[in-house]
């Protein structure tokens, strides 16, 4: 089955998704995100100057260079393998695609928090929270950890699954790896605090553009998945339409509000990052209090929404290809 750096057939994307679902991110496998993160740290150390105009321009240069290098590395790897054999290129494309997907890692991290809370081991749950969120886990009570975990499942469904799948279908491993670099840049320097207000601004805006469509498609996938899990597709759609734009982020509010509607709970509210409080709007209507069981429900929605996303993208590509 033929694959290139810019095109990967649906069965091979499915193979990459299956590898992620079965194996996640094995510690023995060198992960591109680690290398991307090291490149960002190296660039920040040399380019950030604490001068607003200079920092904005240098941050833009860093974002463009890191994204280009990540995409270029994927292209070179698959192109070189293709010189040897089309089958080797297909294998390389699947492996690169695998590293851009993060369903198993997200599900496992959420499961760890869920099981710890079921055992009433809040200390263990707090220790597991950094794998899901950037906020201070010591400032979260039991309800706060449940809320943060459900929000993370919703938001990372978009960032870690739907967006990479979309880019794999549209532009192959190169596009998906470029997206992964953009998302990593945003997660590392795309903050509004004093340190990154200017240096990370370009990275944050690029990430906003890259996630504009995936975030909205993720909300659709969550609502559709809730038809098979919680039985609340209409409330999920209604909540998304009503509350998505209340979020500080132009994108995160869509999957989070859809998840709130799918579960019949309220998400959002203030979040503490270090010593700073980020004031957020509440999303959804609290028909009841959040419970640990909502993490399990959100994880079920995550898995079904992933399948819906893959099938939807494959069908759309097939229809477009026949025209």
Protein backbone atom coordinates (compact mmCIF):
# COMPACT_ATOMS: atom_id res chain seq x y z
CA UNK A 1 0.00 0.00 0.00
CA UNK A 2 1.64 3.22 -1.19
CA UNK A 3 2.29 6.14 1.14
CA UNK A 4 4.28 9.35 0.84
CA UNK A 5 5.27 12.11 3.22
CA UNK A 6 2.21 14.07 2.12
CA UNK A 7 -0.32 11.27 1.63
CA UNK A 8 -1.17 8.25 3.73
CA UNK A 9 -4.09 5.91 2.90
CA UNK A 10 -6.92 5.51 5.39
CA UNK A 11 -6.00 1.89 6.25
CA UNK A 12 -2.50 3.02 7.24
CA UNK A 13 -3.93 5.87 9.33
CA UNK A 14 -6.12 3.25 11.01
CA UNK A 15 -2.99 1.16 11.65
CA UNK A 16 -1.33 4.17 13.30
CA UNK A 17 -4.44 4.79 15.39
CA UNK A 18 -4.54 1.11 16.38
CA UNK A 19 -0.88 1.23 17.42
CA UNK A 20 -1.61 4.25 19.59
CA UNK A 21 -4.67 2.57 21.13
CA UNK A 22 -2.71 -0.61 21.88
CA UNK A 23 0.71 0.71 22.83
CA UNK A 24 0.39 4.43 23.52
CA UNK A 25 3.83 6.05 23.78
CA UNK A 26 6.29 3.30 24.76
CA UNK A 27 9.23 4.67 26.78
CA UNK A 28 11.67 2.82 24.52
CA UNK A 29 10.44 4.64 21.40
CA UNK A 30 12.14 8.02 20.79
CA UNK A 31 9.24 10.47 20.63
CA UNK A 32 9.43 13.47 18.28
CA UNK A 33 7.64 15.70 20.80
CA UNK A 34 10.57 15.29 23.18
CA UNK A 35 12.96 16.45 20.47
CA UNK A 36 10.61 19.28 19.50
CA UNK A 37 10.45 20.35 23.15
CA UNK A 38 14.23 20.33 23.42
CA UNK A 39 14.50 22.47 20.28
CA UNK A 40 11.99 24.97 21.71
CA UNK A 41 13.88 25.17 25.02
CA UNK A 42 17.18 25.64 23.18
CA UNK A 43 15.69 28.39 21.02
CA UNK A 44 14.05 30.16 23.95
CA UNK A 45 17.31 30.21 25.88
CA UNK A 46 19.02 31.98 22.98
CA UNK A 47 16.25 34.18 21.61
CA UNK A 48 14.15 35.48 24.48
CA UNK A 49 15.38 38.96 25.43
CA UNK A 50 12.66 40.56 27.62
CA UNK A 51 12.27 43.27 24.96
CA UNK A 52 8.66 43.21 23.69
CA UNK A 53 9.20 43.92 19.98
CA UNK A 54 12.33 41.78 19.76
CA UNK A 55 10.69 38.95 21.66
CA UNK A 56 7.65 38.93 19.38
CA UNK A 57 9.82 38.72 16.25
CA UNK A 58 12.18 36.15 17.78
CA UNK A 59 9.22 34.08 18.99
CA UNK A 60 7.82 34.12 15.46
CA UNK A 61 11.18 33.01 14.07
CA UNK A 62 11.36 30.19 16.62
CA UNK A 63 7.83 29.02 15.82
CA UNK A 64 8.47 28.98 12.06
CA UNK A 65 11.85 27.28 12.39
CA UNK A 66 10.71 24.55 14.81
CA UNK A 67 7.61 23.79 12.73
CA UNK A 68 9.62 23.69 9.52
CA UNK A 69 12.28 21.44 11.04
CA UNK A 70 9.68 19.01 12.43
CA UNK A 71 7.85 18.79 9.12
CA UNK A 72 11.14 18.55 7.22
CA UNK A 73 12.36 15.71 9.42
CA UNK A 74 9.18 13.73 8.71
CA UNK A 75 9.52 14.39 4.98
CA UNK A 76 13.20 13.38 4.85
CA UNK A 77 12.60 10.21 6.87
CA UNK A 78 9.77 8.97 4.66
CA UNK A 79 11.40 10.11 1.40
CA UNK A 80 14.61 8.26 2.20
CA UNK A 81 12.67 5.12 3.11
CA UNK A 82 10.77 5.42 -0.18
CA UNK A 83 14.05 5.34 -2.10
CA UNK A 84 14.68 1.93 -0.60
CA UNK A 85 11.17 0.49 -0.84
CA UNK A 86 7.54 1.66 -1.03
CA UNK A 87 6.74 -0.79 1.77
CA UNK A 88 9.45 0.72 3.97
CA UNK A 89 8.02 4.18 3.23
CA UNK A 90 4.57 2.95 4.24
CA UNK A 91 5.97 1.58 7.49
CA UNK A 92 7.79 4.84 8.19
CA UNK A 93 4.60 6.83 7.46
CA UNK A 94 2.63 4.70 9.92
CA UNK A 95 5.28 5.10 12.62
CA UNK A 96 5.45 8.87 12.15
CA UNK A 97 1.65 9.07 12.16
CA UNK A 98 1.56 6.98 15.34
CA UNK A 99 3.74 9.52 17.18
CA UNK A 100 1.30 12.35 16.37
CA UNK A 101 -1.64 10.62 18.05
CA UNK A 102 -2.25 10.59 21.81
CA UNK A 103 -5.50 8.81 22.61
CA UNK A 104 -3.99 6.04 24.75
CA UNK A 105 -1.80 8.44 26.71
CA UNK A 106 -4.74 10.74 27.43
CA UNK A 107 -7.02 7.87 28.39
CA UNK A 108 -4.39 6.29 30.65
CA UNK A 109 -3.65 9.59 32.41
CA UNK A 110 -7.35 10.18 33.04
CA UNK A 111 -7.78 6.59 34.20
CA UNK A 112 -5.00 7.01 36.76
CA UNK A 113 -6.76 10.02 38.28
CA UNK A 114 -10.11 8.21 38.18
CA UNK A 115 -8.86 5.08 39.95
CA UNK A 116 -6.98 7.12 42.56
CA UNK A 117 -10.11 9.09 43.39
CA UNK A 118 -12.20 5.92 43.54
CA UNK A 119 -9.75 4.70 46.21
CA UNK A 120 -10.07 8.09 47.95
CA UNK A 121 -6.33 8.55 47.40
CA UNK A 122 -6.35 12.25 46.61
CA UNK A 123 -2.58 12.50 46.99
CA UNK A 124 -2.04 9.98 44.20
CA UNK A 125 -4.63 11.75 42.08
CA UNK A 126 -2.81 15.08 42.52
CA UNK A 127 0.46 13.42 41.56
CA UNK A 128 -1.16 12.25 38.32
CA UNK A 129 -2.72 15.61 37.43
CA UNK A 130 0.39 17.20 35.78
CA UNK A 131 0.09 14.63 32.97
CA UNK A 132 -3.27 16.19 32.13
CA UNK A 133 -3.26 19.88 33.07
CA UNK A 134 -0.86 22.74 33.66
CA UNK A 135 -2.69 24.15 36.68
CA UNK A 136 -1.40 23.73 40.23
CA UNK A 137 -2.69 20.33 41.50
CA UNK A 138 -2.12 21.33 45.14
CA UNK A 139 -4.80 24.00 44.73
CA UNK A 140 -7.38 21.47 43.50
CA UNK A 141 -9.83 19.72 45.80
CA UNK A 142 -11.58 16.48 44.83
CA UNK A 143 -14.24 18.24 42.75
CA UNK A 144 -11.59 20.42 41.14
CA UNK A 145 -9.56 17.40 40.07
CA UNK A 146 -12.63 15.75 38.55
CA UNK A 147 -13.54 18.93 36.69
CA UNK A 148 -9.98 19.49 35.45
CA UNK A 149 -9.70 15.89 34.26
CA UNK A 150 -12.97 16.01 32.32
CA UNK A 151 -11.97 19.35 30.77
CA UNK A 152 -8.58 17.93 29.79
CA UNK A 153 -10.18 14.91 28.12
CA UNK A 154 -12.39 17.21 26.07
CA UNK A 155 -9.70 19.70 25.09
CA UNK A 156 -7.04 17.09 24.37
CA UNK A 157 -9.47 15.07 22.27
CA UNK A 158 -9.13 18.00 19.88
CA UNK A 159 -5.39 18.64 20.27
CA UNK A 160 -4.21 15.06 20.58
CA UNK A 161 -6.56 13.10 18.35
CA UNK A 162 -8.99 14.93 16.07
CA UNK A 163 -6.51 17.57 14.89
CA UNK A 164 -3.69 15.09 14.10
CA UNK A 165 -6.20 12.81 12.34
CA UNK A 166 -7.46 15.71 10.25
CA UNK A 167 -3.96 16.74 9.24
CA UNK A 168 -3.02 13.13 8.47
CA UNK A 169 -5.97 12.88 6.09
CA UNK A 170 -5.35 16.30 4.52
CA UNK A 171 -1.56 16.47 4.27
CA UNK A 172 -0.10 13.20 5.46
CA UNK A 173 2.59 12.72 8.12
CA UNK A 174 4.32 15.99 7.22
CA UNK A 175 1.20 18.04 7.97
CA UNK A 176 0.47 16.09 11.16
CA UNK A 177 4.04 16.52 12.41
CA UNK A 178 3.92 20.25 11.61
CA UNK A 179 0.74 20.46 13.67
CA UNK A 180 2.40 18.57 16.52
CA UNK A 181 5.21 21.13 16.55
CA UNK A 182 2.70 24.01 16.57
CA UNK A 183 0.78 22.44 19.45
CA UNK A 184 3.96 21.79 21.43
CA UNK A 185 5.10 25.39 20.90
CA UNK A 186 1.79 26.64 22.27
CA UNK A 187 1.93 24.31 25.28
CA UNK A 188 5.45 25.49 26.15
CA UNK A 189 5.52 29.20 25.34
CA UNK A 190 1.99 30.20 24.32
CA UNK A 191 1.05 31.81 27.63
CA UNK A 192 -0.19 35.28 28.53
CA UNK A 193 2.07 35.69 31.57
CA UNK A 194 4.89 38.21 31.83
CA UNK A 195 7.53 35.79 30.58
CA UNK A 196 5.76 34.72 27.37
CA UNK A 197 3.32 37.55 26.65
CA UNK A 198 5.35 38.69 23.64
CA UNK A 199 7.76 35.81 23.02
CA UNK A 200 4.98 33.24 22.82
CA UNK A 201 2.35 35.38 21.13
CA UNK A 202 3.08 34.21 17.58
CA UNK A 203 3.10 30.56 18.66
CA UNK A 204 -0.25 31.02 20.42
CA UNK A 205 -1.86 32.71 17.39
CA UNK A 206 -0.55 30.05 15.00
CA UNK A 207 -1.97 27.37 17.29
CA UNK A 208 -5.33 29.17 17.35
CA UNK A 209 -5.47 29.07 13.55
CA UNK A 210 -4.34 25.42 13.35
CA UNK A 211 -7.00 24.33 15.86
CA UNK A 212 -9.90 26.42 14.56
CA UNK A 213 -11.48 23.64 12.49
CA UNK A 214 -10.40 20.66 14.65
CA UNK A 215 -11.89 22.18 17.81
CA UNK A 216 -15.28 22.58 16.17
CA UNK A 217 -15.14 19.12 14.64
CA UNK A 218 -14.22 17.74 18.06
CA UNK A 219 -17.37 19.25 19.52
CA UNK A 220 -19.38 17.51 16.80
CA UNK A 221 -17.61 14.21 17.54
CA UNK A 222 -18.30 14.57 21.28
CA UNK A 223 -21.97 15.30 20.70
CA UNK A 224 -22.26 12.39 18.27
CA UNK A 225 -20.41 10.07 20.65
CA UNK A 226 -22.75 11.02 23.48
CA UNK A 227 -25.60 9.47 21.48
CA UNK A 228 -23.90 6.10 22.06
CA UNK A 229 -22.71 6.73 25.63
CA UNK A 230 -24.65 9.20 27.77
CA UNK A 231 -27.63 9.59 25.43
CA UNK A 232 -27.34 13.39 25.38
CA UNK A 233 -26.42 14.51 21.84
CA UNK A 234 -28.93 17.38 21.75
CA UNK A 235 -27.88 18.92 25.09
CA UNK A 236 -24.26 18.61 23.95
CA UNK A 237 -24.97 20.55 20.76
CA UNK A 238 -27.12 23.11 22.58
CA UNK A 239 -24.52 23.73 25.27
CA UNK A 240 -21.79 24.11 22.68
CA UNK A 241 -23.80 26.67 20.73
CA UNK A 242 -24.66 28.58 23.90
CA UNK A 243 -21.36 28.55 25.80
CA UNK A 244 -18.41 27.73 23.53
CA UNK A 245 -17.53 31.36 22.82
CA UNK A 246 -17.51 32.28 26.51
CA UNK A 247 -14.13 30.58 26.92
CA UNK A 248 -10.97 32.69 26.90
CA UNK A 249 -9.61 30.47 24.14
CA UNK A 250 -11.17 30.79 20.68
CA UNK A 251 -11.10 27.00 20.39
CA UNK A 252 -11.04 25.17 23.73
CA UNK A 253 -14.58 26.20 24.61
CA UNK A 254 -16.07 24.10 21.82
CA UNK A 255 -15.07 20.60 22.96
CA UNK A 256 -15.32 21.55 26.64
CA UNK A 257 -18.85 22.95 26.38
CA UNK A 258 -19.93 19.97 24.26
CA UNK A 259 -18.59 17.66 26.96
CA UNK A 260 -20.40 19.62 29.66
CA UNK A 261 -23.67 19.19 27.78
CA UNK A 262 -22.98 15.53 27.07
CA UNK A 263 -22.56 14.86 30.78
CA UNK A 264 -25.14 17.31 32.12
CA UNK A 265 -22.59 19.06 34.34
CA UNK A 266 -20.90 22.42 34.62
CA UNK A 267 -17.26 22.84 33.65
CA UNK A 268 -14.94 25.83 33.59
CA UNK A 269 -14.55 28.46 36.28
CA UNK A 270 -11.36 29.94 37.72
CA UNK A 271 -8.11 27.99 37.35
CA UNK A 272 -4.83 28.53 39.21
CA UNK A 273 -1.56 28.38 37.27
CA UNK A 274 1.39 28.86 39.61
CA UNK A 275 0.62 32.04 41.54
CA UNK A 276 -1.82 33.41 38.95
CA UNK A 277 -5.57 32.93 38.80
CA UNK A 278 -7.07 32.64 35.33
CA UNK A 279 -10.69 33.73 35.41
CA UNK A 280 -12.78 31.51 33.15
CA UNK A 281 -16.46 31.45 32.33
CA UNK A 282 -18.52 28.48 33.43
CA UNK A 283 -19.70 26.15 30.68
CA UNK A 284 -22.93 24.18 30.77
CA UNK A 285 -25.74 23.85 33.29
CA UNK A 286 -25.11 21.97 36.52
CA UNK A 287 -27.95 19.47 36.44
CA UNK A 288 -26.05 17.65 39.19
CA UNK A 289 -22.66 17.66 40.89
CA UNK A 290 -19.62 16.21 39.20
CA UNK A 291 -18.64 12.73 40.38
CA UNK A 292 -15.75 10.36 39.67
CA UNK A 293 -18.08 8.44 37.36
CA UNK A 294 -18.02 11.46 35.03
CA UNK A 295 -14.36 10.78 34.31
CA UNK A 296 -15.29 7.26 33.20
CA UNK A 297 -18.11 8.68 31.05
CA UNK A 298 -15.77 11.24 29.50
CA UNK A 299 -13.27 8.49 28.73
CA UNK A 300 -16.00 6.50 26.99
CA UNK A 301 -16.93 9.56 24.95
CA UNK A 302 -13.24 10.01 24.11
CA UNK A 303 -12.94 6.53 22.63
CA UNK A 304 -16.20 6.66 20.68
CA UNK A 305 -15.49 10.20 19.43
CA UNK A 306 -12.09 9.03 18.16
CA UNK A 307 -13.77 6.30 16.12
CA UNK A 308 -16.36 8.75 14.80
CA UNK A 309 -13.65 11.21 13.82
CA UNK A 310 -11.65 8.61 11.92
CA UNK A 311 -14.69 7.20 10.11
CA UNK A 312 -15.95 10.68 9.27
CA UNK A 313 -12.64 11.83 7.81
CA UNK A 314 -12.26 8.60 5.83
CA UNK A 315 -15.74 8.93 4.35
CA UNK A 316 -15.22 12.57 3.40
CA UNK A 317 -11.92 11.77 1.71
CA UNK A 318 -13.56 8.92 -0.20
CA UNK A 319 -16.38 11.18 -1.39
CA UNK A 320 -13.96 13.93 -2.44
CA UNK A 321 -11.71 11.43 -4.26
CA UNK A 322 -14.65 10.15 -6.34
CA UNK A 323 -15.57 13.60 -7.63
